[in-house]
C-alpha atoms as a PDB file:
ATOM      1  CA  MET A   1     -51.197  -5.400  22.937  1.00  0.00           C
ATOM      2  CA  ILE A   2     -54.455  -6.840  21.058  1.00  0.00           C
ATOM      3  CA  LEU A   3     -53.104  -5.582  17.899  1.00  0.00           C
ATOM      4  CA  SER A   4     -49.833  -7.002  18.205  1.00  0.00           C
ATOM      5  CA  ARG A   5     -51.375 -10.215  18.975  1.00  0.00           C
ATOM      6  CA  GLN A   6     -53.651 -10.143  15.900  1.00  0.00           C
ATOM      7  CA  PHE A   7     -50.411  -9.417  14.019  1.00  0.00           C
ATOM      8  CA  ARG A   8     -48.805 -12.305  15.460  1.00  0.00           C
ATOM      9  CA  ALA A   9     -51.409 -14.523  14.529  1.00  0.00           C
ATOM     10  CA  LEU A  10     -51.617 -13.231  10.912  1.00  0.00           C
ATOM     11  CA  PHE A  11     -47.945 -13.671  10.482  1.00  0.00           C
ATOM     12  CA  ARG A  12     -48.244 -17.288  11.927  1.00  0.00           C
ATOM     13  CA  PHE A  13     -51.195 -18.064   9.527  1.00  0.00           C
ATOM     14  CA  ALA A  14     -49.447 -16.744   6.725  1.00  0.00           C
ATOM     15  CA  GLY A  15     -46.342 -18.773   7.521  1.00  0.00           C
ATOM     16  CA  TRP A  16     -48.273 -21.890   7.655  1.00  0.00           C
ATOM     17  CA  TRP A  17     -49.829 -21.160   4.392  1.00  0.00           C
ATOM     18  CA  GLY A  18     -46.381 -20.554   2.740  1.00  0.00           C
ATOM     19  CA  LEU A  19     -44.978 -23.755   3.847  1.00  0.00           C
ATOM     20  CA  PRO A  20     -46.889 -25.974   1.532  1.00  0.00           C
ATOM     21  CA  TRP A  21     -45.836 -23.821  -1.197  1.00  0.00           C
ATOM     22  CA  CYS A  22     -42.187 -24.035  -0.314  1.00  0.00           C
ATOM     23  CA  LEU A  23     -42.447 -27.705  -0.381  1.00  0.00           C
ATOM     24  CA  ALA A  24     -44.354 -27.674  -3.740  1.00  0.00           C
ATOM     25  CA  GLY A  25     -41.646 -25.234  -4.919  1.00  0.00           C
ATOM     26  CA  ALA A  26     -39.043 -27.727  -4.102  1.00  0.00           C
ATOM     27  CA  ALA A  27     -40.590 -30.600  -5.586  1.00  0.00           C
ATOM     28  CA  LEU A  28     -41.393 -28.709  -8.859  1.00  0.00           C
ATOM     29  CA  ALA A  29     -37.733 -27.652  -8.905  1.00  0.00           C
ATOM     30  CA  VAL A  30     -36.454 -31.241  -8.702  1.00  0.00           C
ATOM     31  CA  VAL A  31     -38.858 -32.433 -11.362  1.00  0.00           C
ATOM     32  CA  ARG A  32     -37.948 -29.535 -13.707  1.00  0.00           C
ATOM     33  CA  TRP A  33     -34.204 -30.010 -13.079  1.00  0.00           C
ATOM     34  CA  LEU A  34     -34.511 -33.775 -13.941  1.00  0.00           C
ATOM     35  CA  THR A  35     -36.694 -33.251 -17.020  1.00  0.00           C
ATOM     36  CA  GLY A  36     -34.068 -30.514 -18.405  1.00  0.00           C
ATOM     37  CA  GLY A  37     -35.874 -27.468 -17.541  1.00  0.00           C
ATOM     38  CA  SER A  38     -32.814 -25.995 -16.275  1.00  0.00           C
ATOM     39  CA  ALA A  39     -30.956 -26.230 -19.544  1.00  0.00           C
ATOM     40  CA  LEU A  40     -32.013 -22.618 -20.380  1.00  0.00           C
ATOM     41  CA  ALA A  41     -31.273 -21.141 -16.868  1.00  0.00           C
ATOM     42  CA  GLY A  42     -27.531 -22.032 -16.585  1.00  0.00           C
ATOM     43  CA  GLN A  43     -27.792 -22.207 -12.666  1.00  0.00           C
ATOM     44  CA  SER A  44     -26.489 -24.716 -10.227  1.00  0.00           C
ATOM     45  CA  PHE A  45     -28.796 -27.252  -8.868  1.00  0.00           C
ATOM     46  CA  GLY A  46     -28.966 -25.465  -5.326  1.00  0.00           C
ATOM     47  CA  ILE A  47     -29.717 -21.979  -6.901  1.00  0.00           C
ATOM     48  CA  TRP A  48     -32.443 -23.505  -8.992  1.00  0.00           C
ATOM     49  CA  VAL A  49     -34.128 -25.162  -5.893  1.00  0.00           C
ATOM     50  CA  VAL A  50     -33.616 -22.169  -3.758  1.00  0.00           C
ATOM     51  CA  SER A  51     -35.193 -19.837  -6.374  1.00  0.00           C
ATOM     52  CA  HIS A  52     -38.129 -22.039  -6.608  1.00  0.00           C
ATOM     53  CA  VAL A  53     -38.769 -22.416  -2.784  1.00  0.00           C
ATOM     54  CA  LEU A  54     -38.435 -18.680  -2.582  1.00  0.00           C
ATOM     55  CA  GLY A  55     -40.754 -17.929  -5.464  1.00  0.00           C
ATOM     56  CA  TYR A  56     -43.493 -20.527  -4.481  1.00  0.00           C
ATOM     57  CA  GLY A  57     -42.988 -19.690  -0.803  1.00  0.00           C
ATOM     58  CA  ALA A  58     -43.665 -15.863  -1.442  1.00  0.00           C
ATOM     59  CA  LEU A  59     -46.652 -16.892  -3.357  1.00  0.00           C
ATOM     60  CA  GLY A  60     -47.942 -18.995  -0.436  1.00  0.00           C
ATOM     61  CA  LEU A  61     -47.159 -16.137   2.092  1.00  0.00           C
ATOM     62  CA  ILE A  62     -48.963 -13.592   0.276  1.00  0.00           C
ATOM     63  CA  SER A  63     -51.941 -15.821  -0.268  1.00  0.00           C
ATOM     64  CA  GLY A  64     -51.792 -16.828   3.525  1.00  0.00           C
ATOM     65  CA  PHE A  65     -51.960 -12.866   4.147  1.00  0.00           C
ATOM     66  CA  ILE A  66     -54.850 -12.384   2.015  1.00  0.00           C
ATOM     67  CA  VAL A  67     -56.938 -15.369   3.332  1.00  0.00           C
ATOM     68  CA  GLY A  68     -56.131 -14.319   7.117  1.00  0.00           C
ATOM     69  CA  LEU A  69     -57.182 -10.595   6.261  1.00  0.00           C
ATOM     70  CA  LEU A  70     -60.328 -11.936   4.422  1.00  0.00           C
ATOM     71  CA  LEU A  71     -61.140 -14.066   7.395  1.00  0.00           C
ATOM     72  CA  ALA A  72     -60.366 -11.459  10.128  1.00  0.00           C
ATOM     73  CA  ARG A  73     -62.533  -8.768   8.314  1.00  0.00           C
ATOM     74  CA  GLN A  74     -65.491 -10.841   6.688  1.00  0.00           C
ATOM     75  CA  GLU A  75     -65.765 -13.200   9.681  1.00  0.00           C
ATOM     76  CA  GLU A  76     -65.224 -10.690  12.433  1.00  0.00           C
ATOM     77  CA  GLY A  77     -66.982 -11.471  15.997  1.00  0.00           C
ATOM     78  CA  ARG A  78     -67.606 -15.311  15.020  1.00  0.00           C
ATOM     79  CA  ARG A  79     -66.111 -18.054  16.782  1.00  0.00           C
ATOM     80  CA  VAL A  80     -64.515 -20.886  14.928  1.00  0.00           C
ATOM     81  CA  GLU A  81     -67.555 -23.228  15.576  1.00  0.00           C
ATOM     82  CA  GLU A  82     -69.846 -20.684  13.889  1.00  0.00           C
ATOM     83  CA  LEU A  83     -67.852 -20.454  10.485  1.00  0.00           C
ATOM     84  CA  SER A  84     -69.578 -21.775   7.502  1.00  0.00           C
ATOM     85  CA  THR A  85     -67.219 -24.217   5.635  1.00  0.00           C
ATOM     86  CA  ARG A  86     -68.287 -22.963   2.192  1.00  0.00           C
ATOM     87  CA  ARG A  87     -67.616 -19.363   3.142  1.00  0.00           C
ATOM     88  CA  VAL A  88     -64.227 -20.317   4.645  1.00  0.00           C
ATOM     89  CA  ALA A  89     -63.475 -22.238   1.331  1.00  0.00           C
ATOM     90  CA  LEU A  90     -64.520 -19.041  -0.663  1.00  0.00           C
ATOM     91  CA  TRP A  91     -62.158 -16.896   1.352  1.00  0.00           C
ATOM     92  CA  GLY A  92     -59.397 -19.344   0.701  1.00  0.00           C
ATOM     93  CA  ALA A  93     -59.994 -19.579  -2.924  1.00  0.00           C
ATOM     94  CA  ILE A  94     -60.237 -15.728  -3.381  1.00  0.00           C
ATOM     95  CA  GLY A  95     -56.913 -15.337  -1.464  1.00  0.00           C
ATOM     96  CA  GLY A  96     -55.215 -18.240  -3.190  1.00  0.00           C
ATOM     97  CA  ALA A  97     -56.087 -16.923  -6.571  1.00  0.00           C
ATOM     98  CA  GLY A  98     -55.445 -13.049  -5.757  1.00  0.00           C
ATOM     99  CA  PRO A  99     -51.779 -12.679  -6.185  1.00  0.00           C
ATOM    100  CA  ALA A 100     -51.591 -14.843  -9.469  1.00  0.00           C
ATOM    101  CA  VAL A 101     -54.716 -12.864 -10.811  1.00  0.00           C
ATOM    102  CA  VAL A 102     -53.348  -9.505  -9.972  1.00  0.00           C
ATOM    103  CA  PHE A 103     -49.880 -10.003 -11.604  1.00  0.00           C
ATOM    104  CA  ALA A 104     -51.366 -11.838 -14.531  1.00  0.00           C
ATOM    105  CA  GLY A 105     -53.715  -8.688 -14.897  1.00  0.00           C
ATOM    106  CA  LEU A 106     -50.637  -6.249 -14.675  1.00  0.00           C
ATOM    107  CA  GLY A 107     -48.910  -8.175 -17.296  1.00  0.00           C
ATOM    108  CA  ALA A 108     -51.812  -8.049 -19.583  1.00  0.00           C
ATOM    109  CA  ILE A 109     -52.391  -4.230 -19.050  1.00  0.00           C
ATOM    110  CA  ALA A 110     -48.491  -3.807 -19.628  1.00  0.00           C
ATOM    111  CA  GLY A 111     -48.851  -5.479 -22.887  1.00  0.00           C
ATOM    112  CA  ALA A 112     -46.804  -8.728 -21.970  1.00  0.00           C
ATOM    113  CA  PRO A 113     -47.507 -11.467 -24.588  1.00  0.00           C
ATOM    114  CA  ALA A 114     -50.025 -14.077 -23.419  1.00  0.00           C
ATOM    115  CA  VAL A 115     -47.339 -16.767 -23.025  1.00  0.00           C
ATOM    116  CA  VAL A 116     -46.206 -14.740 -20.017  1.00  0.00           C
ATOM    117  CA  TYR A 117     -49.308 -14.125 -18.119  1.00  0.00           C
ATOM    118  CA  LEU A 118     -51.574 -17.136 -18.982  1.00  0.00           C
ATOM    119  CA  PRO A 119     -49.439 -19.665 -16.885  1.00  0.00           C
ATOM    120  CA  LEU A 120     -50.062 -17.065 -13.840  1.00  0.00           C
ATOM    121  CA  LEU A 121     -53.745 -17.697 -14.469  1.00  0.00           C
ATOM    122  CA  GLY A 122     -53.405 -21.395 -14.504  1.00  0.00           C
ATOM    123  CA  LEU A 123     -51.225 -21.064 -11.245  1.00  0.00           C
ATOM    124  CA  GLY A 124     -53.962 -18.915  -9.731  1.00  0.00           C
ATOM    125  CA  LEU A 125     -56.657 -21.697 -10.393  1.00  0.00           C
ATOM    126  CA  VAL A 126     -54.220 -24.242  -8.683  1.00  0.00           C
ATOM    127  CA  SER A 127     -53.689 -21.843  -5.912  1.00  0.00           C
ATOM    128  CA  ALA A 128     -57.380 -21.215  -5.365  1.00  0.00           C
ATOM    129  CA  ALA A 129     -58.073 -24.990  -5.104  1.00  0.00           C
ATOM    130  CA  VAL A 130     -55.172 -25.375  -2.594  1.00  0.00           C
ATOM    131  CA  SER A 131     -55.858 -22.341  -0.584  1.00  0.00           C
ATOM    132  CA  GLY A 132     -59.599 -23.226  -0.349  1.00  0.00           C
ATOM    133  CA  GLY A 133     -58.709 -26.759   0.822  1.00  0.00           C
ATOM    134  CA  LEU A 134     -56.190 -25.572   3.268  1.00  0.00           C
ATOM    135  CA  ALA A 135     -58.627 -22.940   4.616  1.00  0.00           C
ATOM    136  CA  THR A 136     -61.266 -25.727   5.097  1.00  0.00           C
ATOM    137  CA  ALA A 137     -58.852 -28.064   6.702  1.00  0.00           C
ATOM    138  CA  THR A 138     -57.573 -25.411   9.101  1.00  0.00           C
ATOM    139  CA  VAL A 139     -61.191 -24.523  10.361  1.00  0.00           C
ATOM    140  CA  ALA A 140     -61.897 -28.108  10.524  1.00  0.00           C
ATOM    141  CA  ALA A 141     -58.661 -28.673  12.751  1.00  0.00           C
ATOM    142  CA  ALA A 142     -59.546 -25.679  14.741  1.00  0.00           C
ATOM    143  CA  ARG A 143     -63.026 -27.083  15.622  1.00  0.00           C
ATOM    144  CA  ARG A 144     -61.672 -30.282  16.483  1.00  0.00           C
ATOM    145  CA  GLY A 145     -59.251 -28.324  18.653  1.00  0.00           C
ATOM    146  CA  ALA A 146     -61.669 -26.435  20.511  1.00  0.00           C
ATOM    147  CA  LEU A 147     -62.435 -27.974  23.953  1.00  0.00           C
ATOM    148  CA  PRO A 148     -65.178 -26.995  26.334  1.00  0.00           C
ATOM    149  CA  PRO A 149     -64.221 -24.355  28.927  1.00  0.00           C
ATOM    150  CA  ASP A 150     -64.598 -26.764  31.721  1.00  0.00           C
ATOM    151  CA  HIS A 151     -62.229 -29.444  30.210  1.00  0.00           C
ATOM    152  CA  ASP A 152     -59.018 -30.131  31.985  1.00  0.00           C
ATOM    153  CA  SER A 153     -56.118 -30.559  29.543  1.00  0.00           C
ATOM    154  CA  PRO A 154     -54.678 -34.120  29.619  1.00  0.00           C
ATOM    155  CA  ARG A 155     -51.402 -34.740  31.347  1.00  0.00           C
ATOM    156  CA  LEU A 156     -48.686 -37.129  30.896  1.00  0.00           C
ATOM    157  CA  PRO A 157     -48.196 -39.735  33.513  1.00  0.00           C
ATOM    158  CA  THR A 158     -45.375 -39.044  35.848  1.00  0.00           C
ATOM    159  CA  SER A 159     -42.748 -41.672  36.687  1.00  0.00           C
END
């Protein structure tokens, strides 16, 4: 039971991580379409946007899984109030940069030209910054939401 609850929490965490990347992918697709980036692809606008949303969403989802696993492993047994903001930002940055750096490294090892894997390293830097900020914001929101055990939940007035 506990293991399934932990997996649900990890999937929820990763899903929330992937959502901003889906939005970023949609925005980037629209910008690239409007600036003529679609001329080489030969795709319709809808397919163009969906492919960007899926690609960037997958990056966010994988990063979310990595950050969630790092937090679960490295901060095991600590309450949210005990977590160091710097450490959480570090785990977020490592998790954010991880997928892009791994794929860029695989491309370099396989002999791909630098024009293929260098943009991945740039995306890894952006992803590290975004994931570090997201991890810090997530912990800050969780700290704010943590109520003392004797606190009654506020209730809406009845009519």
